[in-house]
Amino acid sequence: MAVPKKRTSLSKKHIRRNIWKGRGYQAAAKALSLAKSISTGHSKSFFVRQTSNKALE
């Protein structure tokens, strides 16, 4: 089985971890943006069926 010969440096490890975290932050920001646009009714690419307010009261 292949084994790496040398240990990965801490700086390379931190760079990879920051890239991984950055992708998560971008996905969360995009999801929040979509949720805001849906809640205000300004979404152009996502359709939500409107419910009556009487059912909520």
PDB file of N, CA and C in Angstrom:
ATOM      1  N   MET A   1       0.839  -1.182   0.000  1.00  0.00           N
ATOM      2  CA  MET A   1       0.000   0.000   0.000  1.00  0.00           C
ATOM      3  C   MET A   1       0.885   1.247   0.000  1.00  0.00           C
ATOM      4  N   ALA A   2       0.507   2.235  -0.777  1.00  0.00           N
ATOM      5  CA  ALA A   2       1.301   3.458  -0.881  1.00  0.00           C
ATOM      6  C   ALA A   2       1.133   4.316   0.369  1.00  0.00           C
ATOM      7  N   VAL A   3       2.261   4.827   0.848  1.00  0.00           N
ATOM      8  CA  VAL A   3       2.264   5.666   2.048  1.00  0.00           C
ATOM      9  C   VAL A   3       3.065   6.926   1.738  1.00  0.00           C
ATOM     10  N   PRO A   4       2.568   8.122   2.142  1.00  0.00           N
ATOM     11  CA  PRO A   4       3.356   9.319   1.892  1.00  0.00           C
ATOM     12  C   PRO A   4       4.690   9.280   2.634  1.00  0.00           C
ATOM     13  N   LYS A   5       5.729   9.787   1.993  1.00  0.00           N
ATOM     14  CA  LYS A   5       7.060   9.710   2.586  1.00  0.00           C
ATOM     15  C   LYS A   5       7.291  10.777   3.645  1.00  0.00           C
ATOM     16  N   LYS A   6       6.691  11.957   3.436  1.00  0.00           N
ATOM     17  CA  LYS A   6       6.934  13.047   4.372  1.00  0.00           C
ATOM     18  C   LYS A   6       5.618  13.586   4.912  1.00  0.00           C
ATOM     19  N   ARG A   7       5.722  14.208   6.046  1.00  0.00           N
ATOM     20  CA  ARG A   7       4.552  14.797   6.679  1.00  0.00           C
ATOM     21  C   ARG A   7       4.147  16.070   5.942  1.00  0.00           C
ATOM     22  N   THR A   8       2.834  16.313   5.827  1.00  0.00           N
ATOM     23  CA  THR A   8       2.329  17.532   5.206  1.00  0.00           C
ATOM     24  C   THR A   8       2.571  18.712   6.145  1.00  0.00           C
ATOM     25  N   SER A   9       3.042  19.813   5.596  1.00  0.00           N
ATOM     26  CA  SER A   9       3.346  20.978   6.430  1.00  0.00           C
ATOM     27  C   SER A   9       2.060  21.571   7.003  1.00  0.00           C
ATOM     28  N   LEU A  10       2.197  22.275   8.113  1.00  0.00           N
ATOM     29  CA  LEU A  10       1.041  22.883   8.766  1.00  0.00           C
ATOM     30  C   LEU A  10       0.401  23.949   7.882  1.00  0.00           C
ATOM     31  N   SER A  11       1.223  24.696   7.146  1.00  0.00           N
ATOM     32  CA  SER A  11       0.657  25.749   6.307  1.00  0.00           C
ATOM     33  C   SER A  11      -0.217  25.145   5.209  1.00  0.00           C
ATOM     34  N   LYS A  12       0.227  24.049   4.614  1.00  0.00           N
ATOM     35  CA  LYS A  12      -0.571  23.387   3.573  1.00  0.00           C
ATOM     36  C   LYS A  12      -1.860  22.827   4.169  1.00  0.00           C
ATOM     37  N   LYS A  13      -1.747  22.290   5.379  1.00  0.00           N
ATOM     38  CA  LYS A  13      -2.915  21.747   6.077  1.00  0.00           C
ATOM     39  C   LYS A  13      -3.935  22.856   6.346  1.00  0.00           C
ATOM     40  N   HIS A  14      -3.460  24.023   6.790  1.00  0.00           N
ATOM     41  CA  HIS A  14      -4.356  25.146   7.079  1.00  0.00           C
ATOM     42  C   HIS A  14      -4.999  25.687   5.802  1.00  0.00           C
ATOM     43  N   ILE A  15      -4.235  25.730   4.713  1.00  0.00           N
ATOM     44  CA  ILE A  15      -4.789  26.195   3.438  1.00  0.00           C
ATOM     45  C   ILE A  15      -5.930  25.285   2.998  1.00  0.00           C
ATOM     46  N   ARG A  16      -5.709  23.985   3.072  1.00  0.00           N
ATOM     47  CA  ARG A  16      -6.751  23.033   2.657  1.00  0.00           C
ATOM     48  C   ARG A  16      -7.984  23.133   3.548  1.00  0.00           C
ATOM     49  N   ARG A  17      -7.773  23.290   4.842  1.00  0.00           N
ATOM     50  CA  ARG A  17      -8.906  23.405   5.765  1.00  0.00           C
ATOM     51  C   ARG A  17      -9.691  24.692   5.510  1.00  0.00           C
ATOM     52  N   ASN A  18      -8.987  25.800   5.235  1.00  0.00           N
ATOM     53  CA  ASN A  18      -9.672  27.060   4.957  1.00  0.00           C
ATOM     54  C   ASN A  18     -10.472  27.003   3.661  1.00  0.00           C
ATOM     55  N   ILE A  19      -9.948  26.305   2.656  1.00  0.00           N
ATOM     56  CA  ILE A  19     -10.698  26.127   1.413  1.00  0.00           C
ATOM     57  C   ILE A  19     -11.971  25.335   1.691  1.00  0.00           C
ATOM     58  N   TRP A  20     -11.844  24.268   2.483  1.00  0.00           N
ATOM     59  CA  TRP A  20     -12.986  23.425   2.815  1.00  0.00           C
ATOM     60  C   TRP A  20     -14.048  24.218   3.590  1.00  0.00           C
ATOM     61  N   LYS A  21     -13.603  25.026   4.560  1.00  0.00           N
ATOM     62  CA  LYS A  21     -14.538  25.849   5.331  1.00  0.00           C
ATOM     63  C   LYS A  21     -15.171  26.928   4.455  1.00  0.00           C
ATOM     64  N   GLY A  22     -14.379  27.513   3.564  1.00  0.00           N
ATOM     65  CA  GLY A  22     -14.889  28.560   2.685  1.00  0.00           C
ATOM     66  C   GLY A  22     -16.021  28.075   1.806  1.00  0.00           C
ATOM     67  N   ARG A  23     -15.905  26.842   1.317  1.00  0.00           N
ATOM     68  CA  ARG A  23     -16.992  26.276   0.499  1.00  0.00           C
ATOM     69  C   ARG A  23     -18.265  26.141   1.318  1.00  0.00           C
ATOM     70  N   GLY A  24     -18.121  25.763   2.585  1.00  0.00           N
ATOM     71  CA  GLY A  24     -19.290  25.644   3.460  1.00  0.00           C
ATOM     72  C   GLY A  24     -19.933  26.994   3.714  1.00  0.00           C
ATOM     73  N   TYR A  25     -19.113  28.018   3.947  1.00  0.00           N
ATOM     74  CA  TYR A  25     -19.643  29.362   4.175  1.00  0.00           C
ATOM     75  C   TYR A  25     -20.358  29.882   2.935  1.00  0.00           C
ATOM     76  N   GLN A  26     -19.810  29.608   1.747  1.00  0.00           N
ATOM     77  CA  GLN A  26     -20.453  30.049   0.509  1.00  0.00           C
ATOM     78  C   GLN A  26     -21.793  29.361   0.319  1.00  0.00           C
ATOM     79  N   ALA A  27     -21.866  28.066   0.605  1.00  0.00           N
ATOM     80  CA  ALA A  27     -23.114  27.329   0.473  1.00  0.00           C
ATOM     81  C   ALA A  27     -24.157  27.857   1.455  1.00  0.00           C
ATOM     82  N   ALA A  28     -23.732  28.172   2.684  1.00  0.00           N
ATOM     83  CA  ALA A  28     -24.658  28.699   3.682  1.00  0.00           C
ATOM     84  C   ALA A  28     -25.163  30.079   3.277  1.00  0.00           C
ATOM     85  N   ALA A  29     -24.286  30.924   2.746  1.00  0.00           N
ATOM     86  CA  ALA A  29     -24.690  32.260   2.320  1.00  0.00           C
ATOM     87  C   ALA A  29     -25.674  32.188   1.160  1.00  0.00           C
ATOM     88  N   LYS A  30     -25.440  31.264   0.240  1.00  0.00           N
ATOM     89  CA  LYS A  30     -26.339  31.102  -0.902  1.00  0.00           C
ATOM     90  C   LYS A  30     -27.717  30.612  -0.438  1.00  0.00           C
ATOM     91  N   ALA A  31     -27.729  29.666   0.502  1.00  0.00           N
ATOM     92  CA  ALA A  31     -28.990  29.145   1.025  1.00  0.00           C
ATOM     93  C   ALA A  31     -29.768  30.237   1.760  1.00  0.00           C
ATOM     94  N   LEU A  32     -29.064  31.064   2.527  1.00  0.00           N
ATOM     95  CA  LEU A  32     -29.714  32.153   3.246  1.00  0.00           C
ATOM     96  C   LEU A  32     -30.294  33.177   2.272  1.00  0.00           C
ATOM     97  N   SER A  33     -29.549  33.479   1.224  1.00  0.00           N
ATOM     98  CA  SER A  33     -30.012  34.425   0.215  1.00  0.00           C
ATOM     99  C   SER A  33     -31.273  33.908  -0.470  1.00  0.00           C
ATOM    100  N   LEU A  34     -31.292  32.615  -0.814  1.00  0.00           N
ATOM    101  CA  LEU A  34     -32.474  32.018  -1.446  1.00  0.00           C
ATOM    102  C   LEU A  34     -33.656  32.046  -0.491  1.00  0.00           C
ATOM    103  N   ALA A  35     -33.426  31.750   0.782  1.00  0.00           N
ATOM    104  CA  ALA A  35     -34.509  31.771   1.773  1.00  0.00           C
ATOM    105  C   ALA A  35     -35.083  33.170   1.918  1.00  0.00           C
ATOM    106  N   LYS A  36     -34.222  34.187   1.905  1.00  0.00           N
ATOM    107  CA  LYS A  36     -34.705  35.570   2.012  1.00  0.00           C
ATOM    108  C   LYS A  36     -35.538  35.950   0.798  1.00  0.00           C
ATOM    109  N   SER A  37     -35.081  35.566  -0.394  1.00  0.00           N
ATOM    110  CA  SER A  37     -35.820  35.930  -1.597  1.00  0.00           C
ATOM    111  C   SER A  37     -37.162  35.204  -1.660  1.00  0.00           C
ATOM    112  N   ILE A  38     -37.206  33.968  -1.176  1.00  0.00           N
ATOM    113  CA  ILE A  38     -38.471  33.230  -1.158  1.00  0.00           C
ATOM    114  C   ILE A  38     -39.434  33.855  -0.157  1.00  0.00           C
ATOM    115  N   SER A  39     -38.926  34.227   1.012  1.00  0.00           N
ATOM    116  CA  SER A  39     -39.797  34.769   2.053  1.00  0.00           C
ATOM    117  C   SER A  39     -40.369  36.133   1.669  1.00  0.00           C
ATOM    118  N   THR A  40     -39.629  36.911   0.883  1.00  0.00           N
ATOM    119  CA  THR A  40     -40.128  38.223   0.460  1.00  0.00           C
ATOM    120  C   THR A  40     -40.936  38.140  -0.828  1.00  0.00           C
ATOM    121  N   GLY A  41     -40.849  36.984  -1.523  1.00  0.00           N
ATOM    122  CA  GLY A  41     -41.606  36.821  -2.762  1.00  0.00           C
ATOM    123  C   GLY A  41     -40.889  37.350  -3.988  1.00  0.00           C
ATOM    124  N   HIS A  42     -39.592  37.658  -3.894  1.00  0.00           N
ATOM    125  CA  HIS A  42     -38.844  38.202  -5.027  1.00  0.00           C
ATOM    126  C   HIS A  42     -38.068  37.137  -5.795  1.00  0.00           C
ATOM    127  N   SER A  43     -38.264  35.875  -5.457  1.00  0.00           N
ATOM    128  CA  SER A  43     -37.525  34.818  -6.129  1.00  0.00           C
ATOM    129  C   SER A  43     -38.036  34.629  -7.544  1.00  0.00           C
ATOM    130  N   LYS A  44     -37.107  34.548  -8.509  1.00  0.00           N
ATOM    131  CA  LYS A  44     -37.474  34.355  -9.909  1.00  0.00           C
ATOM    132  C   LYS A  44     -37.264  32.915 -10.353  1.00  0.00           C
ATOM    133  N   SER A  45     -36.534  32.129  -9.585  1.00  0.00           N
ATOM    134  CA  SER A  45     -36.205  30.778 -10.015  1.00  0.00           C
ATOM    135  C   SER A  45     -36.797  29.697  -9.100  1.00  0.00           C
ATOM    136  N   PHE A  46     -37.585  30.103  -8.120  1.00  0.00           N
ATOM    137  CA  PHE A  46     -38.114  29.144  -7.154  1.00  0.00           C
ATOM    138  C   PHE A  46     -39.566  29.507  -6.890  1.00  0.00           C
ATOM    139  N   PHE A  47     -40.469  28.559  -7.093  1.00  0.00           N
ATOM    140  CA  PHE A  47     -41.888  28.828  -6.953  1.00  0.00           C
ATOM    141  C   PHE A  47     -42.427  28.159  -5.700  1.00  0.00           C
ATOM    142  N   VAL A  48     -43.182  28.925  -4.925  1.00  0.00           N
ATOM    143  CA  VAL A  48     -43.767  28.418  -3.687  1.00  0.00           C
ATOM    144  C   VAL A  48     -45.269  28.630  -3.752  1.00  0.00           C
ATOM    145  N   ARG A  49     -46.014  27.590  -3.397  1.00  0.00           N
ATOM    146  CA  ARG A  49     -47.463  27.702  -3.413  1.00  0.00           C
ATOM    147  C   ARG A  49     -47.914  28.546  -2.232  1.00  0.00           C
ATOM    148  N   GLN A  50     -48.731  29.533  -2.491  1.00  0.00           N
ATOM    149  CA  GLN A  50     -49.212  30.441  -1.443  1.00  0.00           C
ATOM    150  C   GLN A  50     -50.318  29.761  -0.639  1.00  0.00           C
ATOM    151  N   THR A  51     -50.300  29.924   0.671  1.00  0.00           N
ATOM    152  CA  THR A  51     -51.340  29.382   1.549  1.00  0.00           C
ATOM    153  C   THR A  51     -52.128  30.546   2.120  1.00  0.00           C
ATOM    154  N   SER A  52     -53.345  30.282   2.515  1.00  0.00           N
ATOM    155  CA  SER A  52     -54.171  31.341   3.072  1.00  0.00           C
ATOM    156  C   SER A  52     -53.755  31.642   4.508  1.00  0.00           C
ATOM    157  N   ASN A  53     -53.942  32.878   4.949  1.00  0.00           N
ATOM    158  CA  ASN A  53     -53.580  33.283   6.314  1.00  0.00           C
ATOM    159  C   ASN A  53     -54.579  32.768   7.343  1.00  0.00           C
ATOM    160  N   LYS A  54     -55.781  32.396   6.912  1.00  0.00           N
ATOM    161  CA  LYS A  54     -56.798  31.899   7.850  1.00  0.00           C
ATOM    162  C   LYS A  54     -56.381  30.569   8.475  1.00  0.00           C
ATOM    163  N   ALA A  55     -55.644  29.780   7.755  1.00  0.00           N
ATOM    164  CA  ALA A  55     -55.201  28.481   8.280  1.00  0.00           C
ATOM    165  C   ALA A  55     -54.178  28.688   9.400  1.00  0.00           C
ATOM    166  N   LEU A  56     -53.472  29.794   9.386  1.00  0.00           N
ATOM    167  CA  LEU A  56     -52.437  30.028  10.403  1.00  0.00           C
ATOM    168  C   LEU A  56     -53.024  30.591  11.685  1.00  0.00           C
ATOM    169  N   GLU A  57     -54.186  31.189  11.635  1.00  0.00           N
ATOM    170  CA  GLU A  57     -54.782  31.812  12.824  1.00  0.00           C
ATOM    171  C   GLU A  57     -55.497  30.843  13.701  1.00  0.00           C
TER     172      GLU A  57
END
